[in-house]
């Protein structure tokens, strides 16, 4: 039986992103206290923070709603890829969609499981695995682990600058994780190289695929 290369592409992308994302998050969670930092270079640090929100620490609505929304989005993502695999869609497009799906799933794992199986991280205290139910939160209420920090440019606004004159600024200040990166890269490549394919795949359902 011949293996469909597009199935292999989708499976490989999703699996590798999730494995890498979770391996890094678990290492950070169990080896670093909250707000600990390792300087890899002047422009790149491993800086441990947690958030209740979406990508790059954005906080919106409630935690439970956000987790359920993520789960619904991932279910749709699996359905969408399943449909794509039955068409002549290019493997590159499928890889991009798989990156987005893997990133969303990686952060869902944190939200669903981390509160149940980890003790809470504090400044000066490293968390550890705990028996199920003895963690810092219930199911669906775990915090997302972030650690990638790229303070590429640091400086201060000119004193004459309106409202923020004299204040310090950092570019790029958000702290994120590998799952966030996968989502961002997948969306960026889709918008640059596959806008037409994206539009066609959403607007023209194929009756033969049902």
N, C-alpha and C. Protein backbone atom coordinates (compact mmCIF):
# COMPACT_ATOMS: atom_id res chain seq x y z
N UNK A 1 0.84 -1.20 0.00
CA UNK A 1 0.00 0.00 0.00
C UNK A 1 0.88 1.25 0.00
N UNK A 2 0.64 2.15 -0.96
CA UNK A 2 1.44 3.36 -1.07
C UNK A 2 1.02 4.39 -0.02
N UNK A 3 2.00 4.93 0.66
CA UNK A 3 1.72 5.93 1.69
C UNK A 3 1.51 7.30 1.04
N UNK A 4 0.43 7.97 1.40
CA UNK A 4 0.14 9.30 0.89
C UNK A 4 1.10 10.30 1.54
N UNK A 5 1.92 10.97 0.73
CA UNK A 5 2.93 11.88 1.25
C UNK A 5 2.31 13.04 2.02
N UNK A 6 1.11 13.44 1.62
CA UNK A 6 0.47 14.56 2.31
C UNK A 6 0.03 14.16 3.72
N UNK A 7 -0.40 12.92 3.89
CA UNK A 7 -0.73 12.43 5.24
C UNK A 7 0.53 12.42 6.10
N UNK A 8 1.62 11.96 5.51
CA UNK A 8 2.89 11.92 6.25
C UNK A 8 3.32 13.33 6.64
N UNK A 9 3.17 14.28 5.71
CA UNK A 9 3.54 15.68 5.99
C UNK A 9 2.75 16.23 7.16
N UNK A 10 1.43 16.05 7.12
CA UNK A 10 0.58 16.57 8.19
C UNK A 10 0.91 15.93 9.52
N UNK A 11 1.05 14.61 9.53
CA UNK A 11 1.33 13.89 10.77
C UNK A 11 2.69 14.30 11.33
N UNK A 12 3.70 14.40 10.46
CA UNK A 12 5.05 14.73 10.90
C UNK A 12 5.11 16.15 11.48
N UNK A 13 4.48 17.11 10.81
CA UNK A 13 4.51 18.49 11.29
C UNK A 13 3.83 18.60 12.65
N UNK A 14 2.63 18.05 12.76
CA UNK A 14 1.89 18.15 14.02
C UNK A 14 2.65 17.44 15.15
N UNK A 15 3.13 16.25 14.88
CA UNK A 15 3.82 15.47 15.92
C UNK A 15 5.10 16.15 16.39
N UNK A 16 5.93 16.61 15.45
CA UNK A 16 7.21 17.21 15.81
C UNK A 16 7.03 18.51 16.58
N UNK A 17 6.09 19.35 16.15
CA UNK A 17 5.86 20.62 16.85
C UNK A 17 5.39 20.36 18.28
N UNK A 18 4.43 19.44 18.44
CA UNK A 18 3.91 19.17 19.78
C UNK A 18 4.98 18.57 20.67
N UNK A 19 5.74 17.62 20.16
CA UNK A 19 6.80 16.99 20.96
C UNK A 19 7.85 18.01 21.39
N UNK A 20 8.30 18.82 20.46
CA UNK A 20 9.32 19.82 20.77
C UNK A 20 8.77 20.87 21.73
N UNK A 21 7.56 21.35 21.46
CA UNK A 21 6.93 22.35 22.31
C UNK A 21 6.77 21.85 23.74
N UNK A 22 6.23 20.65 23.89
CA UNK A 22 5.99 20.12 25.24
C UNK A 22 7.28 19.75 25.96
N UNK A 23 8.26 19.26 25.23
CA UNK A 23 9.55 18.93 25.86
C UNK A 23 10.19 20.19 26.46
N UNK A 24 10.17 21.29 25.71
CA UNK A 24 10.76 22.53 26.20
C UNK A 24 9.95 23.08 27.37
N UNK A 25 8.61 23.07 27.25
CA UNK A 25 7.77 23.59 28.33
C UNK A 25 7.95 22.80 29.63
N UNK A 26 7.97 21.48 29.52
CA UNK A 26 8.12 20.65 30.72
C UNK A 26 9.49 20.87 31.36
N UNK A 27 10.52 21.00 30.54
CA UNK A 27 11.86 21.26 31.09
C UNK A 27 11.87 22.60 31.82
N UNK A 28 11.32 23.63 31.20
CA UNK A 28 11.28 24.96 31.82
C UNK A 28 10.48 24.91 33.11
N UNK A 29 9.32 24.28 33.07
CA UNK A 29 8.44 24.22 34.24
C UNK A 29 9.10 23.51 35.41
N UNK A 30 9.90 22.48 35.15
CA UNK A 30 10.48 21.67 36.23
C UNK A 30 11.94 22.01 36.54
N UNK A 31 12.50 23.01 35.86
CA UNK A 31 13.89 23.38 36.12
C UNK A 31 14.08 24.86 36.42
N UNK A 32 13.04 25.67 36.20
CA UNK A 32 13.17 27.11 36.40
C UNK A 32 12.03 27.62 37.28
N UNK A 33 12.36 28.51 38.19
CA UNK A 33 11.32 29.19 38.96
C UNK A 33 10.72 30.29 38.10
N UNK A 34 9.52 30.71 38.44
CA UNK A 34 8.85 31.76 37.69
C UNK A 34 9.74 33.02 37.63
N UNK A 35 9.88 33.56 36.44
CA UNK A 35 10.68 34.76 36.14
C UNK A 35 12.18 34.52 36.14
N UNK A 36 12.60 33.26 36.27
CA UNK A 36 14.02 32.95 36.07
C UNK A 36 14.37 33.19 34.60
N UNK A 37 15.65 33.51 34.37
CA UNK A 37 16.07 33.82 33.01
C UNK A 37 17.46 33.27 32.73
N UNK A 38 17.65 32.71 31.54
CA UNK A 38 18.97 32.30 31.06
C UNK A 38 19.28 33.13 29.82
N UNK A 39 20.43 33.77 29.82
CA UNK A 39 20.81 34.57 28.67
C UNK A 39 21.60 33.72 27.68
N UNK A 40 21.01 33.49 26.51
CA UNK A 40 21.68 32.75 25.44
C UNK A 40 22.55 33.71 24.65
N UNK A 41 22.04 34.88 24.39
CA UNK A 41 22.77 35.97 23.73
C UNK A 41 22.16 37.28 24.23
N UNK A 42 22.78 38.39 23.90
CA UNK A 42 22.25 39.67 24.37
C UNK A 42 20.85 39.93 23.82
N UNK A 43 20.54 39.30 22.69
CA UNK A 43 19.25 39.52 22.04
C UNK A 43 18.30 38.33 22.19
N UNK A 44 18.69 37.30 22.96
CA UNK A 44 17.85 36.12 23.11
C UNK A 44 18.00 35.54 24.51
N UNK A 45 16.86 35.41 25.22
CA UNK A 45 16.87 34.85 26.57
C UNK A 45 15.77 33.80 26.72
N UNK A 46 16.04 32.82 27.58
CA UNK A 46 14.99 31.92 28.03
C UNK A 46 14.45 32.53 29.32
N UNK A 47 13.24 33.03 29.27
CA UNK A 47 12.65 33.78 30.38
C UNK A 47 11.31 33.15 30.71
N UNK A 48 11.21 32.53 31.88
CA UNK A 48 10.02 31.74 32.23
C UNK A 48 8.89 32.61 32.77
N UNK A 49 7.79 32.64 32.03
CA UNK A 49 6.56 33.28 32.51
C UNK A 49 5.39 32.36 32.18
N UNK A 50 4.26 32.61 32.80
CA UNK A 50 3.04 31.87 32.51
C UNK A 50 1.93 32.86 32.22
N UNK A 51 0.96 32.44 31.42
CA UNK A 51 -0.15 33.34 31.14
C UNK A 51 -1.45 32.56 31.02
N UNK A 52 -2.55 33.26 31.23
CA UNK A 52 -3.89 32.67 31.11
C UNK A 52 -4.51 32.94 29.75
N UNK A 53 -3.81 33.69 28.92
CA UNK A 53 -4.42 34.16 27.69
C UNK A 53 -4.01 33.43 26.45
N UNK A 54 -4.03 34.17 25.35
CA UNK A 54 -3.75 33.61 24.04
C UNK A 54 -2.28 33.78 23.71
N UNK A 55 -1.96 33.68 22.44
CA UNK A 55 -0.57 33.77 22.00
C UNK A 55 0.07 35.07 22.46
N UNK A 56 1.35 35.01 22.84
CA UNK A 56 2.14 36.15 23.27
C UNK A 56 1.60 36.80 24.54
N UNK A 57 0.86 36.00 25.36
CA UNK A 57 0.41 36.49 26.65
C UNK A 57 -0.78 37.41 26.62
N UNK A 58 -1.47 37.51 25.49
CA UNK A 58 -2.65 38.38 25.40
C UNK A 58 -3.75 37.82 26.29
N UNK A 59 -4.35 38.65 27.11
CA UNK A 59 -5.41 38.22 28.02
C UNK A 59 -6.78 38.64 27.47
N UNK A 60 -7.66 37.66 27.28
CA UNK A 60 -9.01 37.98 26.81
C UNK A 60 -10.04 37.11 27.52
N UNK A 61 -11.19 37.69 27.81
CA UNK A 61 -12.35 37.00 28.37
C UNK A 61 -11.93 36.11 29.54
N UNK A 62 -12.55 34.93 29.68
CA UNK A 62 -12.26 34.06 30.80
C UNK A 62 -11.44 32.85 30.38
N UNK A 63 -10.76 32.24 31.35
CA UNK A 63 -9.89 31.11 31.08
C UNK A 63 -10.65 29.92 30.52
N UNK A 64 -11.77 29.56 31.14
CA UNK A 64 -12.53 28.40 30.69
C UNK A 64 -13.04 28.61 29.28
N UNK A 65 -13.59 29.79 29.00
CA UNK A 65 -14.09 30.07 27.66
C UNK A 65 -12.97 29.96 26.64
N UNK A 66 -11.81 30.51 26.98
CA UNK A 66 -10.68 30.49 26.06
C UNK A 66 -10.24 29.06 25.76
N UNK A 67 -10.17 28.21 26.79
CA UNK A 67 -9.77 26.83 26.58
C UNK A 67 -10.77 26.09 25.71
N UNK A 68 -12.05 26.28 25.97
CA UNK A 68 -13.09 25.62 25.17
C UNK A 68 -13.06 26.13 23.73
N UNK A 69 -12.79 27.42 23.56
CA UNK A 69 -12.66 27.98 22.21
C UNK A 69 -11.49 27.34 21.48
N UNK A 70 -10.38 27.19 22.17
CA UNK A 70 -9.21 26.54 21.56
C UNK A 70 -9.53 25.12 21.13
N UNK A 71 -10.22 24.37 21.99
CA UNK A 71 -10.57 22.99 21.68
C UNK A 71 -11.46 22.94 20.44
N UNK A 72 -12.45 23.83 20.39
CA UNK A 72 -13.34 23.87 19.23
C UNK A 72 -12.55 24.20 17.95
N UNK A 73 -11.59 25.14 18.07
CA UNK A 73 -10.78 25.52 16.91
C UNK A 73 -9.92 24.35 16.43
N UNK A 74 -9.38 23.57 17.36
CA UNK A 74 -8.55 22.43 16.98
C UNK A 74 -9.40 21.34 16.32
N UNK A 75 -10.60 21.11 16.83
CA UNK A 75 -11.50 20.13 16.20
C UNK A 75 -11.79 20.53 14.76
N UNK A 76 -12.08 21.83 14.56
CA UNK A 76 -12.29 22.32 13.20
C UNK A 76 -11.03 22.15 12.36
N UNK A 77 -9.86 22.40 12.97
CA UNK A 77 -8.60 22.25 12.24
C UNK A 77 -8.38 20.83 11.76
N UNK A 78 -8.66 19.85 12.61
CA UNK A 78 -8.52 18.45 12.19
C UNK A 78 -9.49 18.13 11.05
N UNK A 79 -10.71 18.62 11.16
CA UNK A 79 -11.71 18.39 10.10
C UNK A 79 -11.26 19.02 8.80
N UNK A 80 -10.72 20.25 8.88
CA UNK A 80 -10.28 20.96 7.70
C UNK A 80 -9.12 20.23 7.01
N UNK A 81 -8.15 19.78 7.80
CA UNK A 81 -7.03 19.05 7.22
C UNK A 81 -7.50 17.73 6.62
N UNK A 82 -8.43 17.06 7.29
CA UNK A 82 -8.98 15.81 6.77
C UNK A 82 -9.58 16.02 5.38
N UNK A 83 -10.28 17.12 5.18
CA UNK A 83 -10.85 17.43 3.88
C UNK A 83 -9.76 17.75 2.86
N UNK A 84 -8.75 18.51 3.30
CA UNK A 84 -7.67 18.88 2.39
C UNK A 84 -6.93 17.65 1.86
N UNK A 85 -6.75 16.66 2.72
CA UNK A 85 -5.99 15.47 2.34
C UNK A 85 -6.68 14.65 1.26
N UNK A 86 -7.95 14.92 1.04
CA UNK A 86 -8.69 14.20 -0.01
C UNK A 86 -8.68 14.95 -1.34
N UNK A 87 -8.03 16.09 -1.37
CA UNK A 87 -7.99 16.91 -2.57
C UNK A 87 -6.57 16.93 -3.14
N UNK A 88 -6.39 17.74 -4.17
CA UNK A 88 -5.07 17.90 -4.80
C UNK A 88 -4.29 19.07 -4.20
N UNK A 89 -4.66 19.48 -3.02
CA UNK A 89 -3.99 20.61 -2.36
C UNK A 89 -2.50 20.32 -2.18
N UNK A 90 -1.68 21.34 -2.41
CA UNK A 90 -0.23 21.18 -2.31
C UNK A 90 0.21 20.85 -0.88
N UNK A 91 1.27 20.06 -0.79
CA UNK A 91 1.79 19.65 0.52
C UNK A 91 2.24 20.85 1.34
N UNK A 92 2.74 21.91 0.68
CA UNK A 92 3.19 23.09 1.41
C UNK A 92 2.06 23.77 2.14
N UNK A 93 0.91 23.85 1.49
CA UNK A 93 -0.27 24.45 2.13
C UNK A 93 -0.70 23.61 3.32
N UNK A 94 -0.73 22.30 3.14
CA UNK A 94 -1.11 21.40 4.23
C UNK A 94 -0.13 21.52 5.39
N UNK A 95 1.15 21.69 5.09
CA UNK A 95 2.15 21.86 6.15
C UNK A 95 1.89 23.13 6.95
N UNK A 96 1.49 24.22 6.27
CA UNK A 96 1.19 25.47 6.97
C UNK A 96 -0.02 25.32 7.89
N UNK A 97 -1.07 24.70 7.38
CA UNK A 97 -2.26 24.48 8.20
C UNK A 97 -1.92 23.57 9.38
N UNK A 98 -1.06 22.58 9.14
CA UNK A 98 -0.65 21.67 10.21
C UNK A 98 0.16 22.40 11.28
N UNK A 99 0.97 23.38 10.88
CA UNK A 99 1.71 24.19 11.85
C UNK A 99 0.76 24.94 12.77
N UNK A 100 -0.27 25.55 12.19
CA UNK A 100 -1.25 26.30 12.97
C UNK A 100 -1.99 25.37 13.92
N UNK A 101 -2.41 24.22 13.40
CA UNK A 101 -3.12 23.24 14.22
C UNK A 101 -2.24 22.74 15.36
N UNK A 102 -0.99 22.42 15.07
CA UNK A 102 -0.07 21.91 16.09
C UNK A 102 0.17 22.96 17.17
N UNK A 103 0.31 24.23 16.76
CA UNK A 103 0.52 25.28 17.74
C UNK A 103 -0.66 25.44 18.67
N UNK A 104 -1.87 25.41 18.11
CA UNK A 104 -3.07 25.52 18.93
C UNK A 104 -3.18 24.33 19.89
N UNK A 105 -2.88 23.14 19.39
CA UNK A 105 -2.96 21.95 20.22
C UNK A 105 -1.91 21.96 21.33
N UNK A 106 -0.72 22.47 21.01
CA UNK A 106 0.33 22.56 22.02
C UNK A 106 -0.07 23.41 23.21
N UNK A 107 -0.73 24.54 22.96
CA UNK A 107 -1.17 25.40 24.06
C UNK A 107 -2.39 24.83 24.77
N UNK A 108 -3.21 24.07 24.05
CA UNK A 108 -4.36 23.42 24.69
C UNK A 108 -3.88 22.41 25.73
N UNK A 109 -2.81 21.70 25.43
CA UNK A 109 -2.27 20.72 26.38
C UNK A 109 -1.94 21.40 27.70
N UNK A 110 -1.32 22.57 27.64
CA UNK A 110 -1.02 23.33 28.86
C UNK A 110 -2.31 23.65 29.62
N UNK A 111 -3.29 24.18 28.89
CA UNK A 111 -4.53 24.64 29.52
C UNK A 111 -5.31 23.49 30.15
N UNK A 112 -5.33 22.35 29.48
CA UNK A 112 -6.13 21.22 29.96
C UNK A 112 -5.45 20.47 31.09
N UNK A 113 -4.13 20.21 30.96
CA UNK A 113 -3.47 19.27 31.85
C UNK A 113 -2.53 19.87 32.90
N UNK A 114 -1.90 21.00 32.61
CA UNK A 114 -0.83 21.47 33.49
C UNK A 114 -1.32 21.81 34.89
N UNK A 115 -2.52 22.36 35.00
CA UNK A 115 -3.04 22.69 36.32
C UNK A 115 -3.29 21.48 37.19
N UNK A 116 -3.50 20.33 36.56
CA UNK A 116 -3.82 19.10 37.27
C UNK A 116 -2.57 18.32 37.68
N UNK A 117 -1.53 18.37 36.84
CA UNK A 117 -0.37 17.51 37.05
C UNK A 117 0.90 18.23 37.52
N UNK A 118 0.84 19.56 37.66
CA UNK A 118 2.00 20.32 38.14
C UNK A 118 1.63 21.11 39.39
N UNK A 119 2.60 21.25 40.30
CA UNK A 119 2.43 22.22 41.38
C UNK A 119 2.65 23.61 40.79
N UNK A 120 2.26 24.62 41.52
CA UNK A 120 2.33 25.97 40.96
C UNK A 120 3.76 26.50 40.99
N UNK A 121 4.10 27.26 39.96
CA UNK A 121 5.40 27.91 39.89
C UNK A 121 5.33 29.26 40.58
N UNK A 122 6.34 29.54 41.41
CA UNK A 122 6.45 30.83 42.07
C UNK A 122 7.84 31.39 41.81
N UNK A 123 8.00 32.66 42.10
CA UNK A 123 9.33 33.26 42.04
C UNK A 123 10.16 32.65 43.17
N UNK A 124 11.26 32.02 42.81
CA UNK A 124 12.12 31.37 43.79
C UNK A 124 11.75 29.93 44.08
N UNK A 125 10.72 29.40 43.43
CA UNK A 125 10.28 28.02 43.68
C UNK A 125 10.06 27.31 42.35
N UNK A 126 10.71 26.15 42.18
CA UNK A 126 10.57 25.35 40.96
C UNK A 126 9.45 24.34 41.13
N UNK A 127 8.55 24.27 40.17
CA UNK A 127 7.41 23.36 40.23
C UNK A 127 7.85 21.93 39.96
N UNK A 128 6.97 20.99 40.25
CA UNK A 128 7.24 19.58 40.01
C UNK A 128 5.95 18.88 39.63
N UNK A 129 6.09 17.65 39.11
CA UNK A 129 4.91 16.83 38.86
C UNK A 129 4.29 16.43 40.19
N UNK A 130 2.96 16.36 40.22
CA UNK A 130 2.24 15.93 41.42
C UNK A 130 1.20 14.90 41.01
N UNK A 131 0.70 14.10 41.97
CA UNK A 131 -0.38 13.16 41.64
C UNK A 131 -1.59 13.88 41.07
N UNK A 132 -2.30 13.23 40.17
CA UNK A 132 -3.45 13.84 39.52
C UNK A 132 -4.43 14.41 40.54
N UNK A 133 -4.83 15.64 40.34
CA UNK A 133 -5.77 16.29 41.23
C UNK A 133 -5.14 17.11 42.32
N UNK A 134 -3.81 17.02 42.47
CA UNK A 134 -3.12 17.80 43.50
C UNK A 134 -2.36 18.99 42.93
N UNK A 135 -2.67 19.32 41.71
CA UNK A 135 -2.00 20.44 41.07
C UNK A 135 -2.55 21.78 41.48
N UNK A 136 -2.10 22.81 40.80
CA UNK A 136 -2.44 24.18 41.20
C UNK A 136 -3.80 24.65 40.68
N UNK A 137 -4.43 23.87 39.79
CA UNK A 137 -5.74 24.27 39.24
C UNK A 137 -6.47 23.03 38.74
N UNK A 138 -7.72 23.20 38.35
CA UNK A 138 -8.50 22.08 37.85
C UNK A 138 -8.31 21.87 36.36
N UNK A 139 -9.00 20.86 35.82
CA UNK A 139 -8.98 20.61 34.39
C UNK A 139 -9.42 21.87 33.64
N UNK A 140 -8.78 22.14 32.52
CA UNK A 140 -9.10 23.26 31.62
C UNK A 140 -8.68 24.62 32.16
N UNK A 141 -8.04 24.67 33.33
CA UNK A 141 -7.66 25.95 33.92
C UNK A 141 -6.14 26.11 34.08
N UNK A 142 -5.37 25.30 33.40
CA UNK A 142 -3.92 25.41 33.50
C UNK A 142 -3.39 26.66 32.80
N UNK A 143 -2.21 27.10 33.21
CA UNK A 143 -1.57 28.26 32.61
C UNK A 143 -0.63 27.81 31.49
N UNK A 144 -0.52 28.64 30.47
CA UNK A 144 0.36 28.35 29.34
C UNK A 144 1.78 28.81 29.67
N UNK A 145 2.75 27.94 29.43
CA UNK A 145 4.16 28.23 29.72
C UNK A 145 4.79 28.94 28.53
N UNK A 146 5.41 30.09 28.78
CA UNK A 146 6.14 30.85 27.76
C UNK A 146 7.59 31.02 28.21
N UNK A 147 8.48 31.12 27.22
CA UNK A 147 9.89 31.23 27.60
C UNK A 147 10.79 31.91 26.56
N UNK A 148 10.35 32.11 25.36
CA UNK A 148 11.21 32.68 24.31
C UNK A 148 11.11 34.20 24.32
N UNK A 149 12.23 34.84 24.55
CA UNK A 149 12.25 36.30 24.72
C UNK A 149 13.37 36.87 23.87
N UNK A 150 13.02 37.78 22.97
CA UNK A 150 14.00 38.36 22.05
C UNK A 150 14.03 39.89 22.19
N UNK A 151 14.73 40.41 23.20
CA UNK A 151 14.85 41.87 23.35
C UNK A 151 15.89 42.41 22.36
N UNK A 152 15.51 42.51 21.10
CA UNK A 152 16.45 42.83 20.03
C UNK A 152 17.04 44.23 20.17
N UNK A 153 16.18 45.18 20.55
CA UNK A 153 16.62 46.58 20.66
C UNK A 153 16.08 47.15 21.97
N UNK A 154 16.95 47.73 22.77
CA UNK A 154 16.53 48.38 24.01
C UNK A 154 16.99 49.82 23.99
N UNK A 155 16.13 50.69 24.46
CA UNK A 155 16.48 52.10 24.48
C UNK A 155 15.43 52.92 25.20
N UNK A 156 15.36 54.20 24.89
CA UNK A 156 14.38 55.08 25.52
C UNK A 156 13.82 56.03 24.46
N UNK A 157 12.55 56.37 24.62
CA UNK A 157 11.94 57.33 23.71
C UNK A 157 12.54 58.72 23.95
N UNK A 158 12.68 59.52 22.91
CA UNK A 158 13.16 60.91 23.09
C UNK A 158 12.25 61.66 24.05
N UNK A 159 12.81 62.58 24.80
CA UNK A 159 12.05 63.31 25.80
C UNK A 159 10.90 64.11 25.19
N UNK A 160 11.04 64.48 23.91
CA UNK A 160 10.00 65.28 23.25
C UNK A 160 8.87 64.41 22.69
N UNK A 161 9.01 63.09 22.77
CA UNK A 161 8.01 62.19 22.18
C UNK A 161 6.72 62.25 22.99
N UNK A 162 5.56 62.45 22.34
CA UNK A 162 4.28 62.60 23.07
C UNK A 162 3.97 61.39 23.96
N UNK A 163 3.50 61.64 25.16
CA UNK A 163 2.97 60.66 26.10
C UNK A 163 4.03 59.73 26.72
N UNK A 164 4.97 59.23 25.92
CA UNK A 164 5.92 58.23 26.44
C UNK A 164 7.36 58.75 26.44
N UNK A 165 7.53 60.07 26.25
CA UNK A 165 8.88 60.63 26.21
C UNK A 165 9.68 60.29 27.45
N UNK A 166 10.89 59.77 27.25
CA UNK A 166 11.77 59.40 28.36
C UNK A 166 11.58 57.98 28.85
N UNK A 167 10.46 57.36 28.50
CA UNK A 167 10.21 55.97 28.93
C UNK A 167 11.09 54.99 28.15
N UNK A 168 11.44 53.90 28.80
CA UNK A 168 12.22 52.87 28.15
C UNK A 168 11.34 52.06 27.20
N UNK A 169 11.96 51.51 26.15
CA UNK A 169 11.23 50.62 25.27
C UNK A 169 12.11 49.43 24.91
N UNK A 170 11.44 48.32 24.59
CA UNK A 170 12.15 47.11 24.16
C UNK A 170 11.46 46.59 22.90
N UNK A 171 12.25 46.29 21.91
CA UNK A 171 11.75 45.64 20.71
C UNK A 171 12.58 44.36 20.50
N UNK A 172 12.06 43.24 20.61
CA UNK A 172 10.69 42.76 20.61
C UNK A 172 10.36 42.30 22.03
N UNK A 173 9.29 42.83 22.68
CA UNK A 173 9.08 42.56 24.10
C UNK A 173 8.21 41.35 24.44
N UNK A 174 7.30 40.87 23.57
CA UNK A 174 6.48 39.72 23.97
C UNK A 174 7.31 38.47 24.26
N UNK A 175 6.85 37.69 25.22
CA UNK A 175 7.47 36.40 25.55
C UNK A 175 6.50 35.31 25.09
N UNK A 176 7.01 34.34 24.34
CA UNK A 176 6.11 33.37 23.72
C UNK A 176 6.73 31.98 23.79
N UNK A 177 6.11 31.01 23.12
CA UNK A 177 6.61 29.64 23.15
C UNK A 177 6.66 29.07 21.74
N UNK A 178 7.06 27.82 21.62
CA UNK A 178 7.21 27.20 20.31
C UNK A 178 5.86 27.03 19.62
N UNK A 179 4.82 26.74 20.40
CA UNK A 179 3.48 26.62 19.82
C UNK A 179 3.05 27.95 19.19
N UNK A 180 3.27 29.05 19.91
CA UNK A 180 2.95 30.37 19.35
C UNK A 180 3.72 30.62 18.05
N UNK A 181 4.99 30.22 18.05
CA UNK A 181 5.83 30.41 16.86
C UNK A 181 5.28 29.63 15.68
N UNK A 182 4.85 28.39 15.93
CA UNK A 182 4.30 27.57 14.86
C UNK A 182 3.06 28.21 14.26
N UNK A 183 2.19 28.74 15.12
CA UNK A 183 0.98 29.42 14.64
C UNK A 183 1.36 30.63 13.79
N UNK A 184 2.28 31.45 14.29
CA UNK A 184 2.66 32.67 13.58
C UNK A 184 3.32 32.36 12.24
N UNK A 185 4.24 31.40 12.22
CA UNK A 185 4.92 31.02 10.97
C UNK A 185 3.92 30.46 9.97
N UNK A 186 3.02 29.59 10.45
CA UNK A 186 2.02 29.01 9.55
C UNK A 186 1.14 30.07 8.93
N UNK A 187 0.65 31.02 9.74
CA UNK A 187 -0.21 32.09 9.22
C UNK A 187 0.57 32.98 8.26
N UNK A 188 1.80 33.33 8.60
CA UNK A 188 2.62 34.21 7.76
C UNK A 188 2.83 33.59 6.38
N UNK A 189 3.21 32.32 6.33
CA UNK A 189 3.46 31.67 5.04
C UNK A 189 2.17 31.53 4.23
N UNK A 190 1.07 31.21 4.92
CA UNK A 190 -0.22 31.13 4.22
C UNK A 190 -0.57 32.45 3.54
N UNK A 191 -0.42 33.55 4.27
CA UNK A 191 -0.81 34.85 3.74
C UNK A 191 0.13 35.33 2.63
N UNK A 192 1.38 34.93 2.69
CA UNK A 192 2.35 35.36 1.68
C UNK A 192 2.28 34.51 0.42
N UNK A 193 2.21 33.19 0.59
CA UNK A 193 2.36 32.29 -0.56
C UNK A 193 1.09 31.53 -0.96
N UNK A 194 0.11 31.45 -0.05
CA UNK A 194 -1.04 30.59 -0.34
C UNK A 194 -2.39 31.28 -0.15
N UNK A 195 -2.45 32.58 -0.36
CA UNK A 195 -3.71 33.28 -0.18
C UNK A 195 -4.79 32.75 -1.12
N UNK A 196 -4.43 32.51 -2.37
CA UNK A 196 -5.41 32.01 -3.34
C UNK A 196 -5.90 30.63 -2.96
N UNK A 197 -4.98 29.76 -2.55
CA UNK A 197 -5.36 28.41 -2.14
C UNK A 197 -6.26 28.44 -0.92
N UNK A 198 -5.94 29.31 0.04
CA UNK A 198 -6.76 29.45 1.25
C UNK A 198 -8.18 29.89 0.89
N UNK A 199 -8.28 30.90 0.04
CA UNK A 199 -9.59 31.39 -0.36
C UNK A 199 -10.41 30.32 -1.07
N UNK A 200 -9.77 29.59 -1.99
CA UNK A 200 -10.47 28.56 -2.75
C UNK A 200 -10.91 27.40 -1.86
N UNK A 201 -10.05 27.03 -0.89
CA UNK A 201 -10.37 25.89 -0.04
C UNK A 201 -11.54 26.18 0.89
N UNK A 202 -11.74 27.46 1.23
CA UNK A 202 -12.83 27.83 2.13
C UNK A 202 -14.13 28.14 1.39
N UNK A 203 -14.01 28.51 0.11
CA UNK A 203 -15.19 28.95 -0.63
C UNK A 203 -15.79 27.88 -1.54
N UNK A 204 -15.02 26.85 -1.87
CA UNK A 204 -15.49 25.88 -2.85
C UNK A 204 -15.44 24.47 -2.29
N UNK A 205 -16.36 24.08 -1.43
CA UNK A 205 -16.39 22.72 -0.96
C UNK A 205 -16.64 21.75 -2.09
N UNK A 206 -15.94 20.64 -2.08
CA UNK A 206 -16.05 19.63 -3.12
C UNK A 206 -17.06 18.59 -2.70
N UNK A 207 -18.09 18.37 -3.49
CA UNK A 207 -19.13 17.43 -3.15
C UNK A 207 -18.61 16.02 -3.03
N UNK A 208 -17.53 15.73 -3.75
CA UNK A 208 -16.97 14.36 -3.71
C UNK A 208 -16.28 14.06 -2.40
N UNK A 209 -15.99 15.14 -1.59
CA UNK A 209 -15.23 14.93 -0.36
C UNK A 209 -16.12 14.55 0.80
N UNK A 210 -17.45 14.72 0.66
CA UNK A 210 -18.37 14.47 1.77
C UNK A 210 -18.52 12.98 2.01
